[in-house]
C-alpha atoms as a PDB file:
ATOM      1  CA  MET A   1      22.887  19.666 -11.416  1.00  0.00           C
ATOM      2  CA  SER A   2      19.570  17.949 -12.137  1.00  0.00           C
ATOM      3  CA  LEU A   3      16.387  17.710 -10.096  1.00  0.00           C
ATOM      4  CA  PHE A   4      13.783  14.935 -10.104  1.00  0.00           C
ATOM      5  CA  ILE A   5      10.435  15.838  -8.504  1.00  0.00           C
ATOM      6  CA  THR A   6       7.519  13.423  -8.223  1.00  0.00           C
ATOM      7  CA  PHE A   7       3.895  13.940  -7.238  1.00  0.00           C
ATOM      8  CA  GLU A   8       1.804  11.246  -5.600  1.00  0.00           C
ATOM      9  CA  GLY A   9      -1.685  10.927  -4.146  1.00  0.00           C
ATOM     10  CA  VAL A  10      -5.021   9.179  -4.314  1.00  0.00           C
ATOM     11  CA  GLU A  11      -7.493   9.731  -7.149  1.00  0.00           C
ATOM     12  CA  GLY A  12      -8.650  13.354  -7.214  1.00  0.00           C
ATOM     13  CA  SER A  13      -5.851  14.669  -5.016  1.00  0.00           C
ATOM     14  CA  GLY A  14      -5.011  17.512  -7.408  1.00  0.00           C
ATOM     15  CA  LYS A  15      -1.628  16.304  -8.665  1.00  0.00           C
ATOM     16  CA  THR A  16      -2.072  17.404 -12.255  1.00  0.00           C
ATOM     17  CA  THR A  17      -3.106  20.927 -11.261  1.00  0.00           C
ATOM     18  CA  GLN A  18      -0.069  21.392  -9.032  1.00  0.00           C
ATOM     19  CA  ILE A  19       2.362  19.898 -11.543  1.00  0.00           C
ATOM     20  CA  ARG A  20       1.127  22.314 -14.209  1.00  0.00           C
ATOM     21  CA  ARG A  21       1.444  25.259 -11.839  1.00  0.00           C
ATOM     22  CA  LEU A  22       4.984  24.281 -10.904  1.00  0.00           C
ATOM     23  CA  LYS A  23       5.943  23.870 -14.546  1.00  0.00           C
ATOM     24  CA  ARG A  24       4.659  27.373 -15.334  1.00  0.00           C
ATOM     25  CA  TYR A  25       6.537  28.768 -12.341  1.00  0.00           C
ATOM     26  CA  LEU A  26       9.833  27.159 -13.343  1.00  0.00           C
ATOM     27  CA  SER A  27       9.404  28.102 -17.003  1.00  0.00           C
ATOM     28  CA  ARG A  28       8.930  31.758 -16.034  1.00  0.00           C
ATOM     29  CA  LYS A  29      12.262  31.550 -14.207  1.00  0.00           C
ATOM     30  CA  GLY A  30      13.917  30.238 -17.344  1.00  0.00           C
ATOM     31  CA  ILE A  31      14.583  26.861 -15.734  1.00  0.00           C
ATOM     32  CA  PRO A  32      14.350  23.975 -18.246  1.00  0.00           C
ATOM     33  CA  CYS A  33      11.748  21.502 -17.034  1.00  0.00           C
ATOM     34  CA  LYS A  34       9.759  18.586 -18.382  1.00  0.00           C
ATOM     35  CA  MET A  35       6.365  17.352 -17.233  1.00  0.00           C
ATOM     36  CA  THR A  36       5.785  13.617 -17.595  1.00  0.00           C
ATOM     37  CA  ARG A  37       3.648  10.865 -16.084  1.00  0.00           C
ATOM     38  CA  GLU A  38       3.317   7.230 -15.126  1.00  0.00           C
ATOM     39  CA  PRO A  39       2.149   5.005 -16.502  1.00  0.00           C
ATOM     40  CA  GLY A  40       3.129   6.623 -19.763  1.00  0.00           C
ATOM     41  CA  GLY A  41       5.727   9.191 -20.680  1.00  0.00           C
ATOM     42  CA  SER A  42       7.033   7.198 -23.655  1.00  0.00           C
ATOM     43  CA  ALA A  43       5.303   5.839 -26.763  1.00  0.00           C
ATOM     44  CA  ILE A  44       5.313   2.296 -25.385  1.00  0.00           C
ATOM     45  CA  GLY A  45       4.390   3.522 -21.917  1.00  0.00           C
ATOM     46  CA  GLU A  46       1.333   5.349 -23.233  1.00  0.00           C
ATOM     47  CA  LYS A  47       0.117   2.172 -24.931  1.00  0.00           C
ATOM     48  CA  ILE A  48       0.541   0.286 -21.658  1.00  0.00           C
ATOM     49  CA  ARG A  49      -1.314   3.107 -19.882  1.00  0.00           C
ATOM     50  CA  ARG A  50      -4.371   2.585 -22.071  1.00  0.00           C
ATOM     51  CA  ILE A  51      -4.410  -1.109 -21.153  1.00  0.00           C
ATOM     52  CA  LEU A  52      -4.000  -0.417 -17.436  1.00  0.00           C
ATOM     53  CA  LEU A  53      -6.664   2.269 -17.139  1.00  0.00           C
ATOM     54  CA  ASP A  54      -9.277   0.680 -19.400  1.00  0.00           C
ATOM     55  CA  PRO A  55     -12.309  -0.070 -17.164  1.00  0.00           C
ATOM     56  CA  GLY A  56     -13.067  -3.033 -19.422  1.00  0.00           C
ATOM     57  CA  HIS A  57     -10.005  -4.848 -18.080  1.00  0.00           C
ATOM     58  CA  GLY A  58     -11.445  -5.642 -14.674  1.00  0.00           C
ATOM     59  CA  GLU A  59     -10.224  -9.243 -14.886  1.00  0.00           C
ATOM     60  CA  MET A  60      -6.561  -8.187 -14.783  1.00  0.00           C
ATOM     61  CA  THR A  61      -4.704  -9.911 -11.943  1.00  0.00           C
ATOM     62  CA  PRO A  62      -2.732  -7.858  -9.378  1.00  0.00           C
ATOM     63  CA  LEU A  63       0.538  -9.392 -10.574  1.00  0.00           C
ATOM     64  CA  SER A  64      -0.220  -8.674 -14.236  1.00  0.00           C
ATOM     65  CA  GLU A  65      -1.077  -5.105 -13.294  1.00  0.00           C
ATOM     66  CA  THR A  66       2.156  -4.704 -11.349  1.00  0.00           C
ATOM     67  CA  LEU A  67       4.325  -6.077 -14.145  1.00  0.00           C
ATOM     68  CA  LEU A  68       2.692  -3.788 -16.706  1.00  0.00           C
ATOM     69  CA  TYR A  69       3.394  -0.766 -14.528  1.00  0.00           C
ATOM     70  CA  GLU A  70       7.000  -1.847 -14.116  1.00  0.00           C
ATOM     71  CA  ALA A  71       7.398  -2.401 -17.867  1.00  0.00           C
ATOM     72  CA  ALA A  72       6.064   1.079 -18.576  1.00  0.00           C
ATOM     73  CA  ARG A  73       8.426   2.522 -15.961  1.00  0.00           C
ATOM     74  CA  ALA A  74      11.499   0.769 -17.346  1.00  0.00           C
ATOM     75  CA  GLN A  75      10.800   2.274 -20.769  1.00  0.00           C
ATOM     76  CA  HIS A  76      10.030   5.676 -19.256  1.00  0.00           C
ATOM     77  CA  VAL A  77      13.272   5.777 -17.273  1.00  0.00           C
ATOM     78  CA  LYS A  78      15.396   4.739 -20.260  1.00  0.00           C
ATOM     79  CA  GLU A  79      13.743   6.957 -22.877  1.00  0.00           C
ATOM     80  CA  VAL A  80      12.700  10.039 -20.914  1.00  0.00           C
ATOM     81  CA  ILE A  81      13.894  10.410 -17.332  1.00  0.00           C
ATOM     82  CA  LYS A  82      17.574   9.478 -17.606  1.00  0.00           C
ATOM     83  CA  PRO A  83      18.216  11.472 -20.816  1.00  0.00           C
ATOM     84  CA  SER A  84      16.458  14.533 -19.381  1.00  0.00           C
ATOM     85  CA  LEU A  85      18.390  14.413 -16.122  1.00  0.00           C
ATOM     86  CA  ARG A  86      21.648  14.116 -18.064  1.00  0.00           C
ATOM     87  CA  LYS A  87      20.669  17.347 -19.847  1.00  0.00           C
ATOM     88  CA  ARG A  88      20.038  18.973 -16.443  1.00  0.00           C
ATOM     89  CA  VAL A  89      16.335  19.339 -17.096  1.00  0.00           C
ATOM     90  CA  VAL A  90      14.104  19.472 -14.013  1.00  0.00           C
ATOM     91  CA  ILE A  91      11.724  16.504 -14.201  1.00  0.00           C
ATOM     92  CA  LEU A  92       8.166  16.840 -12.858  1.00  0.00           C
ATOM     93  CA  CYS A  93       6.637  13.368 -12.800  1.00  0.00           C
ATOM     94  CA  ASP A  94       3.013  12.476 -12.060  1.00  0.00           C
ATOM     95  CA  ARG A  95       3.533   9.227 -10.079  1.00  0.00           C
ATOM     96  CA  PHE A  96       6.603   7.008  -9.840  1.00  0.00           C
ATOM     97  CA  ASN A  97       7.787   4.089  -7.678  1.00  0.00           C
ATOM     98  CA  ASP A  98       5.698   5.047  -4.649  1.00  0.00           C
ATOM     99  CA  ALA A  99       2.497   4.535  -6.636  1.00  0.00           C
ATOM    100  CA  THR A 100       3.347   0.867  -7.155  1.00  0.00           C
ATOM    101  CA  ILE A 101       3.835   0.344  -3.423  1.00  0.00           C
ATOM    102  CA  ALA A 102       0.615   2.181  -2.559  1.00  0.00           C
ATOM    103  CA  TYR A 103      -1.691   0.892  -5.313  1.00  0.00           C
ATOM    104  CA  GLN A 104      -0.395  -2.579  -6.091  1.00  0.00           C
ATOM    105  CA  GLY A 105       1.205  -3.320  -2.711  1.00  0.00           C
ATOM    106  CA  TYR A 106      -1.228  -1.882  -0.187  1.00  0.00           C
ATOM    107  CA  GLY A 107      -4.222  -1.625  -2.519  1.00  0.00           C
ATOM    108  CA  ARG A 108      -4.026  -4.966  -4.350  1.00  0.00           C
ATOM    109  CA  GLY A 109      -2.087  -6.977  -1.785  1.00  0.00           C
ATOM    110  CA  VAL A 110       0.975  -7.679  -3.928  1.00  0.00           C
ATOM    111  CA  ASP A 111       3.927  -8.674  -1.736  1.00  0.00           C
ATOM    112  CA  LEU A 112       5.666  -5.443  -0.743  1.00  0.00           C
ATOM    113  CA  ARG A 113       9.144  -6.945  -0.977  1.00  0.00           C
ATOM    114  CA  LEU A 114       8.427  -8.112  -4.526  1.00  0.00           C
ATOM    115  CA  ALA A 115       7.075  -4.682  -5.476  1.00  0.00           C
ATOM    116  CA  GLU A 116      10.168  -3.015  -4.031  1.00  0.00           C
ATOM    117  CA  ARG A 117      12.506  -5.355  -5.943  1.00  0.00           C
ATOM    118  CA  LEU A 118      10.663  -4.727  -9.187  1.00  0.00           C
ATOM    119  CA  ASN A 119      10.771  -0.985  -8.543  1.00  0.00           C
ATOM    120  CA  ARG A 120      14.541  -1.094  -8.134  1.00  0.00           C
ATOM    121  CA  LEU A 121      14.898  -2.959 -11.428  1.00  0.00           C
ATOM    122  CA  SER A 122      12.583  -0.755 -13.465  1.00  0.00           C
ATOM    123  CA  SER A 123      13.817   2.570 -12.057  1.00  0.00           C
ATOM    124  CA  GLN A 124      17.474   1.596 -12.611  1.00  0.00           C
ATOM    125  CA  GLY A 125      18.595   3.271  -9.404  1.00  0.00           C
ATOM    126  CA  ILE A 126      16.809   6.564 -10.069  1.00  0.00           C
ATOM    127  CA  LYS A 127      15.231   8.116  -6.959  1.00  0.00           C
ATOM    128  CA  PRO A 128      13.322  11.402  -6.671  1.00  0.00           C
ATOM    129  CA  ASP A 129      14.982  14.321  -4.907  1.00  0.00           C
ATOM    130  CA  VAL A 130      11.612  15.166  -3.404  1.00  0.00           C
ATOM    131  CA  THR A 131       8.130  13.673  -3.558  1.00  0.00           C
ATOM    132  CA  PHE A 132       5.007  15.704  -2.862  1.00  0.00           C
ATOM    133  CA  LEU A 133       2.274  13.517  -1.424  1.00  0.00           C
ATOM    134  CA  LEU A 134      -0.943  15.448  -1.974  1.00  0.00           C
ATOM    135  CA  ASP A 135      -3.149  13.986   0.715  1.00  0.00           C
ATOM    136  CA  CYS A 136      -6.892  14.077   1.214  1.00  0.00           C
ATOM    137  CA  PRO A 137      -9.551  11.676   2.517  1.00  0.00           C
ATOM    138  CA  SER A 138     -10.359   9.029  -0.069  1.00  0.00           C
ATOM    139  CA  THR A 139     -14.043   9.984  -0.224  1.00  0.00           C
ATOM    140  CA  LEU A 140     -13.173  13.604  -0.997  1.00  0.00           C
ATOM    141  CA  GLY A 141     -10.696  12.576  -3.674  1.00  0.00           C
ATOM    142  CA  LEU A 142     -13.247  10.388  -5.422  1.00  0.00           C
ATOM    143  CA  ARG A 143     -15.818  13.195  -5.373  1.00  0.00           C
ATOM    144  CA  ARG A 144     -13.278  15.508  -6.951  1.00  0.00           C
ATOM    145  CA  ALA A 145     -12.391  12.898  -9.582  1.00  0.00           C
ATOM    146  CA  SER A 146     -16.072  12.400 -10.402  1.00  0.00           C
ATOM    147  CA  TYR A 147     -16.570  16.156 -10.775  1.00  0.00           C
ATOM    148  CA  ARG A 148     -13.474  16.402 -12.977  1.00  0.00           C
ATOM    149  CA  ASN A 149     -14.755  13.635 -15.234  1.00  0.00           C
ATOM    150  CA  ARG A 150     -18.090  15.409 -15.642  1.00  0.00           C
ATOM    151  CA  MET A 151     -16.362  18.678 -16.503  1.00  0.00           C
ATOM    152  CA  LEU A 152     -14.184  16.887 -19.057  1.00  0.00           C
ATOM    153  CA  LYS A 153     -17.273  15.055 -20.343  1.00  0.00           C
ATOM    154  CA  LYS A 154     -15.733  11.653 -19.792  1.00  0.00           C
ATOM    155  CA  GLU A 155     -18.348   8.975 -20.322  1.00  0.00           C
ATOM    156  CA  ARG A 156     -16.673   6.312 -18.198  1.00  0.00           C
ATOM    157  CA  GLU A 157     -14.804   6.193 -14.947  1.00  0.00           C
ATOM    158  CA  GLY A 158     -11.239   4.922 -15.027  1.00  0.00           C
ATOM    159  CA  ARG A 159     -10.537   1.407 -13.815  1.00  0.00           C
ATOM    160  CA  PHE A 160      -9.191   2.606 -10.473  1.00  0.00           C
ATOM    161  CA  GLU A 161     -11.956   5.111  -9.853  1.00  0.00           C
ATOM    162  CA  LYS A 162     -14.443   2.246 -10.089  1.00  0.00           C
ATOM    163  CA  GLU A 163     -12.838   0.439  -7.152  1.00  0.00           C
ATOM    164  CA  LYS A 164     -14.630   0.312  -3.804  1.00  0.00           C
ATOM    165  CA  ILE A 165     -13.793   2.893  -1.161  1.00  0.00           C
ATOM    166  CA  GLN A 166     -11.923   0.278   0.895  1.00  0.00           C
ATOM    167  CA  PHE A 167      -9.366  -0.047  -1.901  1.00  0.00           C
ATOM    168  CA  HIS A 168      -8.750   3.694  -1.982  1.00  0.00           C
ATOM    169  CA  ARG A 169      -8.382   3.804   1.792  1.00  0.00           C
ATOM    170  CA  ARG A 170      -5.727   1.105   1.623  1.00  0.00           C
ATOM    171  CA  VAL A 171      -3.910   3.088  -1.054  1.00  0.00           C
ATOM    172  CA  ARG A 172      -3.935   6.206   1.107  1.00  0.00           C
ATOM    173  CA  LYS A 173      -2.705   4.177   4.067  1.00  0.00           C
ATOM    174  CA  GLY A 174       0.156   2.937   1.904  1.00  0.00           C
ATOM    175  CA  TYR A 175       1.158   6.417   0.849  1.00  0.00           C
ATOM    176  CA  LEU A 176       1.159   7.666   4.438  1.00  0.00           C
ATOM    177  CA  ALA A 177       3.261   4.663   5.483  1.00  0.00           C
ATOM    178  CA  ILE A 178       5.850   5.551   2.830  1.00  0.00           C
ATOM    179  CA  ALA A 179       5.895   9.153   4.044  1.00  0.00           C
ATOM    180  CA  LYS A 180       6.454   7.997   7.609  1.00  0.00           C
ATOM    181  CA  GLU A 181       9.388   5.834   6.508  1.00  0.00           C
ATOM    182  CA  GLU A 182      10.990   8.546   4.342  1.00  0.00           C
ATOM    183  CA  PRO A 183      10.045  11.953   5.791  1.00  0.00           C
ATOM    184  CA  HIS A 184      13.209  13.541   4.374  1.00  0.00           C
ATOM    185  CA  ARG A 185      12.005  12.829   0.820  1.00  0.00           C
ATOM    186  CA  VAL A 186       8.212  12.619   1.002  1.00  0.00           C
ATOM    187  CA  LYS A 187       6.468  15.867   1.921  1.00  0.00           C
ATOM    188  CA  VAL A 188       2.824  15.379   2.887  1.00  0.00           C
ATOM    189  CA  ILE A 189       0.566  18.308   1.979  1.00  0.00           C
ATOM    190  CA  ASP A 190      -3.099  18.427   2.990  1.00  0.00           C
ATOM    191  CA  THR A 191      -4.967  19.480  -0.141  1.00  0.00           C
ATOM    192  CA  ARG A 192      -8.004  20.542   1.889  1.00  0.00           C
ATOM    193  CA  GLU A 193      -6.077  23.765   2.530  1.00  0.00           C
ATOM    194  CA  GLY A 194      -6.874  24.901  -0.999  1.00  0.00           C
ATOM    195  CA  GLU A 195      -4.992  25.132  -4.278  1.00  0.00           C
ATOM    196  CA  GLU A 196      -3.131  28.378  -3.522  1.00  0.00           C
ATOM    197  CA  LYS A 197      -1.794  27.334  -0.113  1.00  0.00           C
ATOM    198  CA  VAL A 198      -0.821  23.929  -1.458  1.00  0.00           C
ATOM    199  CA  PHE A 199       1.165  25.492  -4.287  1.00  0.00           C
ATOM    200  CA  GLU A 200       2.866  27.965  -1.964  1.00  0.00           C
ATOM    201  CA  LYS A 201       4.140  25.077   0.175  1.00  0.00           C
ATOM    202  CA  ILE A 202       5.375  23.243  -2.916  1.00  0.00           C
ATOM    203  CA  ARG A 203       7.041  26.368  -4.282  1.00  0.00           C
ATOM    204  CA  ARG A 204       8.952  27.081  -1.074  1.00  0.00           C
ATOM    205  CA  ILE A 205      10.328  23.538  -0.887  1.00  0.00           C
ATOM    206  CA  VAL A 206      11.286  23.534  -4.576  1.00  0.00           C
ATOM    207  CA  ASP A 207      12.971  26.935  -4.234  1.00  0.00           C
ATOM    208  CA  GLU A 208      15.109  25.597  -1.387  1.00  0.00           C
ATOM    209  CA  LEU A 209      16.140  22.618  -3.516  1.00  0.00           C
ATOM    210  CA  LEU A 210      16.953  24.821  -6.499  1.00  0.00           C
ATOM    211  CA  ILE A 211      19.154  27.040  -4.337  1.00  0.00           C
ATOM    212  CA  ALA A 212      20.884  24.023  -2.785  1.00  0.00           C
ATOM    213  CA  LYS A 213      21.649  22.649  -6.248  1.00  0.00           C
ATOM    214  CA  GLY A 214      22.561  26.020  -7.734  1.00  0.00           C
ATOM    215  CA  ILE A 215      19.787  25.891 -10.331  1.00  0.00           C
ATOM    216  CA  GLY A 216      18.468  29.316 -11.341  1.00  0.00           C
ATOM    217  CA  HIS A 217      19.075  30.583  -7.809  1.00  0.00           C
ATOM    218  CA  ARG A 218      19.175  34.251  -8.810  1.00  0.00           C
ATOM    219  CA  ASP A 219      15.569  34.163  -9.962  1.00  0.00           C
ATOM    220  CA  ILE A 220      14.038  32.466  -6.917  1.00  0.00           C
ATOM    221  CA  GLU A 221      11.233  34.411  -5.278  1.00  0.00           C
ATOM    222  CA  ALA A 222      11.584  35.442  -1.672  1.00  0.00           C
ATOM    223  CA  PRO A 223       9.178  33.642   0.699  1.00  0.00           C
ATOM    224  CA  ASN A 224       5.807  35.345   1.013  1.00  0.00           C
ATOM    225  CA  PRO A 225       5.377  36.343   4.692  1.00  0.00           C
ATOM    226  CA  LYS A 226       1.630  35.780   4.394  1.00  0.00           C
ATOM    227  CA  HIS A 227       2.300  32.060   4.023  1.00  0.00           C
ATOM    228  CA  GLN A 228       4.917  31.689   6.761  1.00  0.00           C
END
């Protein structure tokens, strides 16, 4: 059995940190897993990523942006996600279809029905088993992203980080709307609780899925009563 896990959230929500922690956790259990991202994940996808995130491309239209994301996803699904799932590798993906609905649909105003149709085409029927929506107020997320950039000595903000706060609030609204529509798949976690508590919630949910699918079930940790 395979398992496809995605992470979503506004800028600075802590997705990358939690994905890395989950990968280390699964690797220690001897469970094959692969960490990937969107846009990107494939050679072509990474080239598209550089175009999309370049702050010098501010003139890009919402439709152009959407189509580039979908092109990167189609390549990613064909080259990385589908082959890995066939090999029963657990996939940990930083953003997937939901990001297009939140960023291009709610954020940019692209027609939601069009975005959904394009998502179905590019993802080729692939849907995550679970999606962790790491939620925080948009202002807090942007402060975290700014701090991260300083620590990494990035000279420029990314194209999305330069957007006005209203854009980021629309994106967050979009994510929460998706979670409300699909509560069985999308698990909202308040990242203001701190990195450790956030990871413990993720770990418990993933452990339940692993047991249900019979993946490495003998090595799953018992729930920590301190976090019940």
